[in-house]
């Protein structure tokens, strides 16, 4: 009887695992298919947005070459550099704001602490573009909506309210034993020294997450970038450039270049993740030891 029951349990477990793996494989195909299609389209030799076959009939690198050589209409290298500069500044400034806010709310106790977190949670439920018009007129009033100051305006827009996204980092800081802070205070460390020399070295996973999300914001945002840059093509970001390639006057000749640009846009984020992956693993080990 026991052998039959054991065999029955193994059979049910095998069926359940098979069903789960089939579902996961289907989801993976659904998730990877658009990426595969964009990569194929980026190497497609036929122009235009409509073709008769899924797989390209001819393959070429001209789409990638044109992005960096044909700057008469759409200056993709300039857009790429604009976005890269803005993203680097945003990653540094937003990471500092988020980690500092998270540490204060995790370790310090002060009046209105809980009401502040509740208000921040409620405000986080509203999309940022609801304040788009007001933000633009504020930037215009202080002279940040024209010329080279557009980059500064975009950095301010992406970083000014970043501290409101403290929830994940605060939750991570809460898991670090407070006894480590107390031991550092006994040794004469200040709160800032505890933050920089004790808490941050044990928080590499959340630092990596914060840097990645802060870096990705300028790459993914279109609404604020379009409103602030308006028609000044010199300061366009890649999201605006890719959108311009799909306009009716450009789509026939720039559609495959749009796919190539979409592939190139993903490269900096992938490189950043690969470079910071070791920090993530080391941080996890340090957090466990702590």
C-alpha atoms as a PDB file:
ATOM      1  CA  UNK A   1       0.000   0.000   0.000  1.00  0.00           C
ATOM      2  CA  UNK A   2       2.776   2.401   0.923  1.00  0.00           C
ATOM      3  CA  UNK A   3       4.563   1.724  -2.384  1.00  0.00           C
ATOM      4  CA  UNK A   4       1.343   2.441  -4.292  1.00  0.00           C
ATOM      5  CA  UNK A   5       0.792   5.673  -2.331  1.00  0.00           C
ATOM      6  CA  UNK A   6       4.401   6.725  -2.939  1.00  0.00           C
ATOM      7  CA  UNK A   7       4.072   6.008  -6.660  1.00  0.00           C
ATOM      8  CA  UNK A   8       0.789   7.940  -6.780  1.00  0.00           C
ATOM      9  CA  UNK A   9       2.374  10.954  -5.054  1.00  0.00           C
ATOM     10  CA  UNK A  10       5.328  10.874  -7.456  1.00  0.00           C
ATOM     11  CA  UNK A  11       2.972  10.684 -10.426  1.00  0.00           C
ATOM     12  CA  UNK A  12       0.903  13.663  -9.242  1.00  0.00           C
ATOM     13  CA  UNK A  13       4.076  15.626  -8.529  1.00  0.00           C
ATOM     14  CA  UNK A  14       5.442  14.814 -11.997  1.00  0.00           C
ATOM     15  CA  UNK A  15       2.187  15.924 -13.651  1.00  0.00           C
ATOM     16  CA  UNK A  16       2.109  19.143 -11.607  1.00  0.00           C
ATOM     17  CA  UNK A  17       5.742  19.946 -12.419  1.00  0.00           C
ATOM     18  CA  UNK A  18       5.128  19.234 -16.103  1.00  0.00           C
ATOM     19  CA  UNK A  19       2.133  21.590 -16.207  1.00  0.00           C
ATOM     20  CA  UNK A  20       4.088  24.309 -14.395  1.00  0.00           C
ATOM     21  CA  UNK A  21       7.053  23.994 -16.759  1.00  0.00           C
ATOM     22  CA  UNK A  22       4.789  24.112 -19.811  1.00  0.00           C
ATOM     23  CA  UNK A  23       3.121  27.288 -18.497  1.00  0.00           C
ATOM     24  CA  UNK A  24       6.505  28.871 -17.753  1.00  0.00           C
ATOM     25  CA  UNK A  25       7.791  27.945 -21.206  1.00  0.00           C
ATOM     26  CA  UNK A  26       4.707  29.499 -22.816  1.00  0.00           C
ATOM     27  CA  UNK A  27       5.151  32.688 -20.799  1.00  0.00           C
ATOM     28  CA  UNK A  28       8.847  32.805 -21.731  1.00  0.00           C
ATOM     29  CA  UNK A  29       7.955  32.517 -25.423  1.00  0.00           C
ATOM     30  CA  UNK A  30       5.368  35.287 -25.124  1.00  0.00           C
ATOM     31  CA  UNK A  31       7.912  37.494 -23.330  1.00  0.00           C
ATOM     32  CA  UNK A  32      10.845  36.773 -25.664  1.00  0.00           C
ATOM     33  CA  UNK A  33       8.943  36.868 -28.957  1.00  0.00           C
ATOM     34  CA  UNK A  34       8.730  40.703 -29.256  1.00  0.00           C
ATOM     35  CA  UNK A  35      12.446  41.013 -28.436  1.00  0.00           C
ATOM     36  CA  UNK A  36      13.309  38.384 -31.046  1.00  0.00           C
ATOM     37  CA  UNK A  37      11.126  40.168 -33.606  1.00  0.00           C
ATOM     38  CA  UNK A  38      12.742  43.570 -32.939  1.00  0.00           C
ATOM     39  CA  UNK A  39      16.242  42.097 -33.301  1.00  0.00           C
ATOM     40  CA  UNK A  40      15.320  40.434 -36.594  1.00  0.00           C
ATOM     41  CA  UNK A  41      13.730  43.624 -37.883  1.00  0.00           C
ATOM     42  CA  UNK A  42      16.843  45.624 -36.993  1.00  0.00           C
ATOM     43  CA  UNK A  43      18.823  43.509 -39.482  1.00  0.00           C
ATOM     44  CA  UNK A  44      16.128  43.454 -42.161  1.00  0.00           C
ATOM     45  CA  UNK A  45      17.166  44.619 -45.608  1.00  0.00           C
ATOM     46  CA  UNK A  46      13.639  45.434 -46.868  1.00  0.00           C
ATOM     47  CA  UNK A  47      12.424  48.918 -46.081  1.00  0.00           C
ATOM     48  CA  UNK A  48       8.990  49.898 -44.814  1.00  0.00           C
ATOM     49  CA  UNK A  49       6.816  48.843 -41.921  1.00  0.00           C
ATOM     50  CA  UNK A  50       4.829  46.154 -43.739  1.00  0.00           C
ATOM     51  CA  UNK A  51       6.353  42.999 -45.223  1.00  0.00           C
ATOM     52  CA  UNK A  52       4.868  39.716 -46.441  1.00  0.00           C
ATOM     53  CA  UNK A  53       7.056  37.389 -44.318  1.00  0.00           C
ATOM     54  CA  UNK A  54       8.017  37.225 -40.664  1.00  0.00           C
ATOM     55  CA  UNK A  55      11.670  36.405 -41.279  1.00  0.00           C
ATOM     56  CA  UNK A  56      13.644  38.982 -43.287  1.00  0.00           C
ATOM     57  CA  UNK A  57      14.479  37.959 -46.833  1.00  0.00           C
ATOM     58  CA  UNK A  58      17.796  39.805 -46.683  1.00  0.00           C
ATOM     59  CA  UNK A  59      19.965  40.803 -43.745  1.00  0.00           C
ATOM     60  CA  UNK A  60      22.120  43.910 -43.495  1.00  0.00           C
ATOM     61  CA  UNK A  61      23.971  46.152 -41.040  1.00  0.00           C
ATOM     62  CA  UNK A  62      22.985  49.299 -42.928  1.00  0.00           C
ATOM     63  CA  UNK A  63      20.226  50.089 -40.425  1.00  0.00           C
ATOM     64  CA  UNK A  64      22.769  50.431 -37.623  1.00  0.00           C
ATOM     65  CA  UNK A  65      25.186  52.347 -39.836  1.00  0.00           C
ATOM     66  CA  UNK A  66      22.493  54.797 -40.898  1.00  0.00           C
ATOM     67  CA  UNK A  67      21.654  55.646 -37.288  1.00  0.00           C
ATOM     68  CA  UNK A  68      25.152  57.046 -36.798  1.00  0.00           C
ATOM     69  CA  UNK A  69      25.836  58.406 -40.275  1.00  0.00           C
ATOM     70  CA  UNK A  70      22.553  59.911 -41.496  1.00  0.00           C
ATOM     71  CA  UNK A  71      22.052  62.866 -39.125  1.00  0.00           C
ATOM     72  CA  UNK A  72      20.404  65.211 -41.621  1.00  0.00           C
ATOM     73  CA  UNK A  73      16.880  64.527 -40.340  1.00  0.00           C
ATOM     74  CA  UNK A  74      17.212  62.585 -37.073  1.00  0.00           C
ATOM     75  CA  UNK A  75      20.470  62.937 -35.148  1.00  0.00           C
ATOM     76  CA  UNK A  76      20.443  59.678 -33.217  1.00  0.00           C
ATOM     77  CA  UNK A  77      24.023  59.997 -31.816  1.00  0.00           C
ATOM     78  CA  UNK A  78      23.119  63.383 -30.301  1.00  0.00           C
ATOM     79  CA  UNK A  79      19.922  61.957 -28.804  1.00  0.00           C
ATOM     80  CA  UNK A  80      21.835  58.991 -27.412  1.00  0.00           C
ATOM     81  CA  UNK A  81      24.454  61.236 -25.774  1.00  0.00           C
ATOM     82  CA  UNK A  82      21.781  63.546 -24.346  1.00  0.00           C
ATOM     83  CA  UNK A  83      20.021  60.592 -22.746  1.00  0.00           C
ATOM     84  CA  UNK A  84      23.258  59.045 -21.488  1.00  0.00           C
ATOM     85  CA  UNK A  85      24.356  62.285 -19.797  1.00  0.00           C
ATOM     86  CA  UNK A  86      20.954  62.817 -18.191  1.00  0.00           C
ATOM     87  CA  UNK A  87      20.733  59.167 -17.102  1.00  0.00           C
ATOM     88  CA  UNK A  88      24.177  59.211 -15.433  1.00  0.00           C
ATOM     89  CA  UNK A  89      23.380  62.342 -13.427  1.00  0.00           C
ATOM     90  CA  UNK A  90      19.959  60.978 -12.491  1.00  0.00           C
ATOM     91  CA  UNK A  91      21.439  57.666 -11.338  1.00  0.00           C
ATOM     92  CA  UNK A  92      23.864  59.400  -8.948  1.00  0.00           C
ATOM     93  CA  UNK A  93      21.514  62.072  -7.575  1.00  0.00           C
ATOM     94  CA  UNK A  94      18.391  59.884  -7.285  1.00  0.00           C
ATOM     95  CA  UNK A  95      20.321  57.072  -5.606  1.00  0.00           C
ATOM     96  CA  UNK A  96      21.631  59.463  -2.961  1.00  0.00           C
ATOM     97  CA  UNK A  97      18.183  60.980  -2.333  1.00  0.00           C
ATOM     98  CA  UNK A  98      16.441  57.605  -2.100  1.00  0.00           C
ATOM     99  CA  UNK A  99      19.034  55.970   0.155  1.00  0.00           C
ATOM    100  CA  UNK A 100      19.282  58.992   2.446  1.00  0.00           C
ATOM    101  CA  UNK A 101      15.500  59.232   2.784  1.00  0.00           C
ATOM    102  CA  UNK A 102      15.190  55.488   3.362  1.00  0.00           C
ATOM    103  CA  UNK A 103      17.890  55.498   6.045  1.00  0.00           C
ATOM    104  CA  UNK A 104      16.286  58.412   7.908  1.00  0.00           C
ATOM    105  CA  UNK A 105      12.857  56.782   7.905  1.00  0.00           C
ATOM    106  CA  UNK A 106      14.298  53.403   8.896  1.00  0.00           C
ATOM    107  CA  UNK A 107      16.683  54.415  11.666  1.00  0.00           C
ATOM    108  CA  UNK A 108      15.593  57.826  12.962  1.00  0.00           C
ATOM    109  CA  UNK A 109      12.514  58.565  15.026  1.00  0.00           C
ATOM    110  CA  UNK A 110      10.948  62.016  14.754  1.00  0.00           C
ATOM    111  CA  UNK A 111       7.558  63.721  14.803  1.00  0.00           C
ATOM    112  CA  UNK A 112       5.286  63.236  11.786  1.00  0.00           C
ATOM    113  CA  UNK A 113       7.372  60.281  10.628  1.00  0.00           C
ATOM    114  CA  UNK A 114       4.456  57.906  10.057  1.00  0.00           C
ATOM    115  CA  UNK A 115       2.143  60.582   8.591  1.00  0.00           C
ATOM    116  CA  UNK A 116       4.940  61.509   6.179  1.00  0.00           C
ATOM    117  CA  UNK A 117       5.276  57.906   5.026  1.00  0.00           C
ATOM    118  CA  UNK A 118       1.508  57.612   4.606  1.00  0.00           C
ATOM    119  CA  UNK A 119       1.337  60.822   2.571  1.00  0.00           C
ATOM    120  CA  UNK A 120       4.277  59.685   0.443  1.00  0.00           C
ATOM    121  CA  UNK A 121       2.540  56.363  -0.156  1.00  0.00           C
ATOM    122  CA  UNK A 122      -0.642  58.119  -1.303  1.00  0.00           C
ATOM    123  CA  UNK A 123       1.234  60.546  -3.557  1.00  0.00           C
ATOM    124  CA  UNK A 124       3.068  57.606  -5.119  1.00  0.00           C
ATOM    125  CA  UNK A 125      -0.262  56.248  -6.334  1.00  0.00           C
ATOM    126  CA  UNK A 126      -0.705  59.182  -8.713  1.00  0.00           C
ATOM    127  CA  UNK A 127       1.231  59.197 -12.015  1.00  0.00           C
ATOM    128  CA  UNK A 128       3.875  61.893 -12.315  1.00  0.00           C
ATOM    129  CA  UNK A 129       2.565  63.284 -15.597  1.00  0.00           C
ATOM    130  CA  UNK A 130      -0.467  64.700 -13.740  1.00  0.00           C
ATOM    131  CA  UNK A 131       1.808  67.575 -12.716  1.00  0.00           C
ATOM    132  CA  UNK A 132       3.284  67.913 -16.195  1.00  0.00           C
ATOM    133  CA  UNK A 133       1.767  71.303 -17.063  1.00  0.00           C
ATOM    134  CA  UNK A 134       2.566  72.878 -13.683  1.00  0.00           C
ATOM    135  CA  UNK A 135       6.147  71.560 -13.786  1.00  0.00           C
ATOM    136  CA  UNK A 136       6.690  72.960 -17.272  1.00  0.00           C
ATOM    137  CA  UNK A 137       5.515  76.461 -16.331  1.00  0.00           C
ATOM    138  CA  UNK A 138       7.679  76.427 -13.207  1.00  0.00           C
ATOM    139  CA  UNK A 139      10.709  75.467 -15.291  1.00  0.00           C
ATOM    140  CA  UNK A 140       9.818  78.147 -17.839  1.00  0.00           C
ATOM    141  CA  UNK A 141       9.503  80.784 -15.122  1.00  0.00           C
ATOM    142  CA  UNK A 142      13.019  80.100 -13.817  1.00  0.00           C
ATOM    143  CA  UNK A 143      14.563  79.913 -17.290  1.00  0.00           C
ATOM    144  CA  UNK A 144      15.152  76.165 -17.589  1.00  0.00           C
ATOM    145  CA  UNK A 145      13.042  75.492 -20.668  1.00  0.00           C
ATOM    146  CA  UNK A 146      15.341  76.910 -23.337  1.00  0.00           C
ATOM    147  CA  UNK A 147      18.710  75.976 -24.816  1.00  0.00           C
ATOM    148  CA  UNK A 148      21.284  73.947 -22.897  1.00  0.00           C
ATOM    149  CA  UNK A 149      19.296  74.334 -19.665  1.00  0.00           C
ATOM    150  CA  UNK A 150      16.838  71.740 -21.000  1.00  0.00           C
ATOM    151  CA  UNK A 151      19.199  68.985 -19.849  1.00  0.00           C
ATOM    152  CA  UNK A 152      19.296  70.526 -16.371  1.00  0.00           C
ATOM    153  CA  UNK A 153      15.500  70.722 -16.379  1.00  0.00           C
ATOM    154  CA  UNK A 154      15.181  67.040 -17.264  1.00  0.00           C
ATOM    155  CA  UNK A 155      17.618  66.042 -14.510  1.00  0.00           C
ATOM    156  CA  UNK A 156      15.590  68.088 -12.005  1.00  0.00           C
ATOM    157  CA  UNK A 157      12.322  66.539 -13.166  1.00  0.00           C
ATOM    158  CA  UNK A 158      13.632  62.978 -12.837  1.00  0.00           C
ATOM    159  CA  UNK A 159      15.428  63.468  -9.498  1.00  0.00           C
ATOM    160  CA  UNK A 160      13.486  66.076  -7.507  1.00  0.00           C
ATOM    161  CA  UNK A 161      10.789  63.679  -6.354  1.00  0.00           C
ATOM    162  CA  UNK A 162      12.888  60.521  -6.303  1.00  0.00           C
ATOM    163  CA  UNK A 163      12.998  60.403  -2.508  1.00  0.00           C
ATOM    164  CA  UNK A 164       9.331  59.446  -2.471  1.00  0.00           C
ATOM    165  CA  UNK A 165      10.301  55.996  -3.745  1.00  0.00           C
ATOM    166  CA  UNK A 166      11.937  55.017  -0.445  1.00  0.00           C
ATOM    167  CA  UNK A 167       9.750  51.990   0.343  1.00  0.00           C
ATOM    168  CA  UNK A 168      11.959  49.208  -1.032  1.00  0.00           C
ATOM    169  CA  UNK A 169      15.238  50.579   0.339  1.00  0.00           C
ATOM    170  CA  UNK A 170      13.649  51.309   3.711  1.00  0.00           C
ATOM    171  CA  UNK A 171      12.402  47.737   3.900  1.00  0.00           C
ATOM    172  CA  UNK A 172      15.930  46.507   3.223  1.00  0.00           C
ATOM    173  CA  UNK A 173      17.462  48.819   5.841  1.00  0.00           C
ATOM    174  CA  UNK A 174      14.932  47.523   8.373  1.00  0.00           C
ATOM    175  CA  UNK A 175      16.424  44.033   8.005  1.00  0.00           C
ATOM    176  CA  UNK A 176      19.919  45.189   9.025  1.00  0.00           C
ATOM    177  CA  UNK A 177      20.357  44.668  12.814  1.00  0.00           C
ATOM    178  CA  UNK A 178      20.366  47.901  14.778  1.00  0.00           C
ATOM    179  CA  UNK A 179      22.982  46.397  17.063  1.00  0.00           C
ATOM    180  CA  UNK A 180      25.540  47.173  14.347  1.00  0.00           C
ATOM    181  CA  UNK A 181      24.621  50.856  14.539  1.00  0.00           C
ATOM    182  CA  UNK A 182      24.779  50.818  18.326  1.00  0.00           C
ATOM    183  CA  UNK A 183      28.228  49.221  18.272  1.00  0.00           C
ATOM    184  CA  UNK A 184      29.443  51.903  15.855  1.00  0.00           C
ATOM    185  CA  UNK A 185      27.998  54.667  18.053  1.00  0.00           C
ATOM    186  CA  UNK A 186      29.846  53.234  21.063  1.00  0.00           C
ATOM    187  CA  UNK A 187      33.074  53.404  19.040  1.00  0.00           C
ATOM    188  CA  UNK A 188      32.443  57.115  18.452  1.00  0.00           C
ATOM    189  CA  UNK A 189      30.970  57.063  14.930  1.00  0.00           C
ATOM    190  CA  UNK A 190      28.524  59.741  13.852  1.00  0.00           C
ATOM    191  CA  UNK A 191      25.197  58.972  12.192  1.00  0.00           C
ATOM    192  CA  UNK A 192      26.635  59.891   8.798  1.00  0.00           C
ATOM    193  CA  UNK A 193      29.608  57.568   9.352  1.00  0.00           C
ATOM    194  CA  UNK A 194      27.261  54.751  10.368  1.00  0.00           C
ATOM    195  CA  UNK A 195      25.270  55.356   7.198  1.00  0.00           C
ATOM    196  CA  UNK A 196      28.281  55.399   4.874  1.00  0.00           C
ATOM    197  CA  UNK A 197      30.590  52.856   6.556  1.00  0.00           C
ATOM    198  CA  UNK A 198      28.204  50.365   8.153  1.00  0.00           C
ATOM    199  CA  UNK A 199      24.798  50.455   6.469  1.00  0.00           C
ATOM    200  CA  UNK A 200      25.740  51.065   2.836  1.00  0.00           C
ATOM    201  CA  UNK A 201      28.382  48.289   2.613  1.00  0.00           C
ATOM    202  CA  UNK A 202      25.685  45.847   3.737  1.00  0.00           C
ATOM    203  CA  UNK A 203      23.108  47.277   1.335  1.00  0.00           C
ATOM    204  CA  UNK A 204      24.650  46.603  -2.066  1.00  0.00           C
ATOM    205  CA  UNK A 205      21.590  44.723  -3.407  1.00  0.00           C
ATOM    206  CA  UNK A 206      19.260  47.661  -2.832  1.00  0.00           C
ATOM    207  CA  UNK A 207      21.903  50.100  -4.085  1.00  0.00           C
ATOM    208  CA  UNK A 208      22.156  48.139  -7.339  1.00  0.00           C
ATOM    209  CA  UNK A 209      18.363  48.109  -7.664  1.00  0.00           C
ATOM    210  CA  UNK A 210      18.143  51.848  -6.997  1.00  0.00           C
ATOM    211  CA  UNK A 211      20.903  52.715  -9.462  1.00  0.00           C
ATOM    212  CA  UNK A 212      19.311  50.595 -12.201  1.00  0.00           C
ATOM    213  CA  UNK A 213      15.823  52.047 -11.755  1.00  0.00           C
ATOM    214  CA  UNK A 214      17.186  55.598 -11.551  1.00  0.00           C
ATOM    215  CA  UNK A 215      19.270  55.073 -14.684  1.00  0.00           C
ATOM    216  CA  UNK A 216      16.356  53.573 -16.603  1.00  0.00           C
ATOM    217  CA  UNK A 217      13.948  56.447 -15.920  1.00  0.00           C
ATOM    218  CA  UNK A 218      15.348  58.816 -18.608  1.00  0.00           C
ATOM    219  CA  UNK A 219      15.579  55.962 -21.128  1.00  0.00           C
ATOM    220  CA  UNK A 220      11.938  54.993 -20.664  1.00  0.00           C
ATOM    221  CA  UNK A 221      10.289  58.377 -20.177  1.00  0.00           C
ATOM    222  CA  UNK A 222       8.678  60.068 -23.141  1.00  0.00           C
ATOM    223  CA  UNK A 223       6.017  62.429 -21.786  1.00  0.00           C
ATOM    224  CA  UNK A 224       8.152  64.815 -19.714  1.00  0.00           C
ATOM    225  CA  UNK A 225      10.982  64.738 -22.258  1.00  0.00           C
ATOM    226  CA  UNK A 226       8.617  65.663 -25.094  1.00  0.00           C
ATOM    227  CA  UNK A 227       6.951  68.472 -23.138  1.00  0.00           C
ATOM    228  CA  UNK A 228      10.213  70.038 -21.954  1.00  0.00           C
ATOM    229  CA  UNK A 229      12.206  69.593 -25.189  1.00  0.00           C
ATOM    230  CA  UNK A 230       9.238  70.567 -27.394  1.00  0.00           C
ATOM    231  CA  UNK A 231      10.529  71.137 -30.944  1.00  0.00           C
ATOM    232  CA  UNK A 232      14.194  71.640 -30.029  1.00  0.00           C
ATOM    233  CA  UNK A 233      15.656  68.577 -31.767  1.00  0.00           C
ATOM    234  CA  UNK A 234      19.154  69.332 -30.470  1.00  0.00           C
ATOM    235  CA  UNK A 235      18.140  68.178 -26.989  1.00  0.00           C
ATOM    236  CA  UNK A 236      15.867  65.248 -27.865  1.00  0.00           C
ATOM    237  CA  UNK A 237      16.256  62.024 -25.897  1.00  0.00           C
ATOM    238  CA  UNK A 238      16.207  58.563 -27.472  1.00  0.00           C
ATOM    239  CA  UNK A 239      12.544  58.014 -26.621  1.00  0.00           C
ATOM    240  CA  UNK A 240      11.581  61.094 -28.652  1.00  0.00           C
ATOM    241  CA  UNK A 241      13.926  60.064 -31.467  1.00  0.00           C
ATOM    242  CA  UNK A 242      12.406  56.588 -31.701  1.00  0.00           C
ATOM    243  CA  UNK A 243       8.927  58.100 -31.669  1.00  0.00           C
ATOM    244  CA  UNK A 244       9.856  60.492 -34.483  1.00  0.00           C
ATOM    245  CA  UNK A 245      10.993  57.537 -36.600  1.00  0.00           C
ATOM    246  CA  UNK A 246       7.439  56.172 -36.523  1.00  0.00           C
ATOM    247  CA  UNK A 247       5.789  59.366 -37.746  1.00  0.00           C
ATOM    248  CA  UNK A 248       4.070  59.071 -41.113  1.00  0.00           C
ATOM    249  CA  UNK A 249       6.696  61.088 -43.001  1.00  0.00           C
ATOM    250  CA  UNK A 250       9.592  58.964 -41.659  1.00  0.00           C
ATOM    251  CA  UNK A 251       8.155  55.505 -40.994  1.00  0.00           C
ATOM    252  CA  UNK A 252       8.694  54.115 -44.502  1.00  0.00           C
ATOM    253  CA  UNK A 253      12.414  54.897 -44.574  1.00  0.00           C
ATOM    254  CA  UNK A 254      13.259  54.776 -40.848  1.00  0.00           C
ATOM    255  CA  UNK A 255      11.213  51.822 -39.602  1.00  0.00           C
ATOM    256  CA  UNK A 256      14.058  49.295 -39.618  1.00  0.00           C
ATOM    257  CA  UNK A 257      16.341  51.951 -38.126  1.00  0.00           C
ATOM    258  CA  UNK A 258      13.782  52.300 -35.338  1.00  0.00           C
ATOM    259  CA  UNK A 259      14.243  48.603 -34.540  1.00  0.00           C
ATOM    260  CA  UNK A 260      18.024  49.034 -34.602  1.00  0.00           C
ATOM    261  CA  UNK A 261      17.733  52.018 -32.272  1.00  0.00           C
ATOM    262  CA  UNK A 262      15.549  49.996 -29.896  1.00  0.00           C
ATOM    263  CA  UNK A 263      18.275  47.340 -29.715  1.00  0.00           C
ATOM    264  CA  UNK A 264      21.003  49.933 -29.092  1.00  0.00           C
ATOM    265  CA  UNK A 265      18.988  51.611 -26.341  1.00  0.00           C
ATOM    266  CA  UNK A 266      18.945  48.361 -24.350  1.00  0.00           C
ATOM    267  CA  UNK A 267      22.743  47.972 -24.424  1.00  0.00           C
ATOM    268  CA  UNK A 268      23.696  50.573 -21.730  1.00  0.00           C
ATOM    269  CA  UNK A 269      21.186  49.111 -19.283  1.00  0.00           C
ATOM    270  CA  UNK A 270      22.464  45.579 -19.925  1.00  0.00           C
ATOM    271  CA  UNK A 271      26.083  46.707 -19.467  1.00  0.00           C
ATOM    272  CA  UNK A 272      25.226  48.485 -16.222  1.00  0.00           C
ATOM    273  CA  UNK A 273      23.469  45.399 -14.865  1.00  0.00           C
ATOM    274  CA  UNK A 274      26.363  43.088 -15.801  1.00  0.00           C
ATOM    275  CA  UNK A 275      28.910  45.440 -14.215  1.00  0.00           C
ATOM    276  CA  UNK A 276      26.915  45.729 -10.997  1.00  0.00           C
ATOM    277  CA  UNK A 277      25.932  42.066 -10.741  1.00  0.00           C
ATOM    278  CA  UNK A 278      29.015  41.210  -8.689  1.00  0.00           C
ATOM    279  CA  UNK A 279      28.146  43.979  -6.233  1.00  0.00           C
ATOM    280  CA  UNK A 280      24.675  42.498  -5.916  1.00  0.00           C
ATOM    281  CA  UNK A 281      26.001  39.008  -5.072  1.00  0.00           C
ATOM    282  CA  UNK A 282      28.609  40.361  -2.628  1.00  0.00           C
ATOM    283  CA  UNK A 283      25.983  42.507  -0.955  1.00  0.00           C
ATOM    284  CA  UNK A 284      23.661  39.555  -0.477  1.00  0.00           C
ATOM    285  CA  UNK A 285      26.472  37.603   1.201  1.00  0.00           C
ATOM    286  CA  UNK A 286      27.350  40.566   3.413  1.00  0.00           C
ATOM    287  CA  UNK A 287      23.731  41.070   4.394  1.00  0.00           C
ATOM    288  CA  UNK A 288      23.410  37.451   5.455  1.00  0.00           C
ATOM    289  CA  UNK A 289      26.533  37.692   7.577  1.00  0.00           C
ATOM    290  CA  UNK A 290      25.237  40.873   9.165  1.00  0.00           C
END
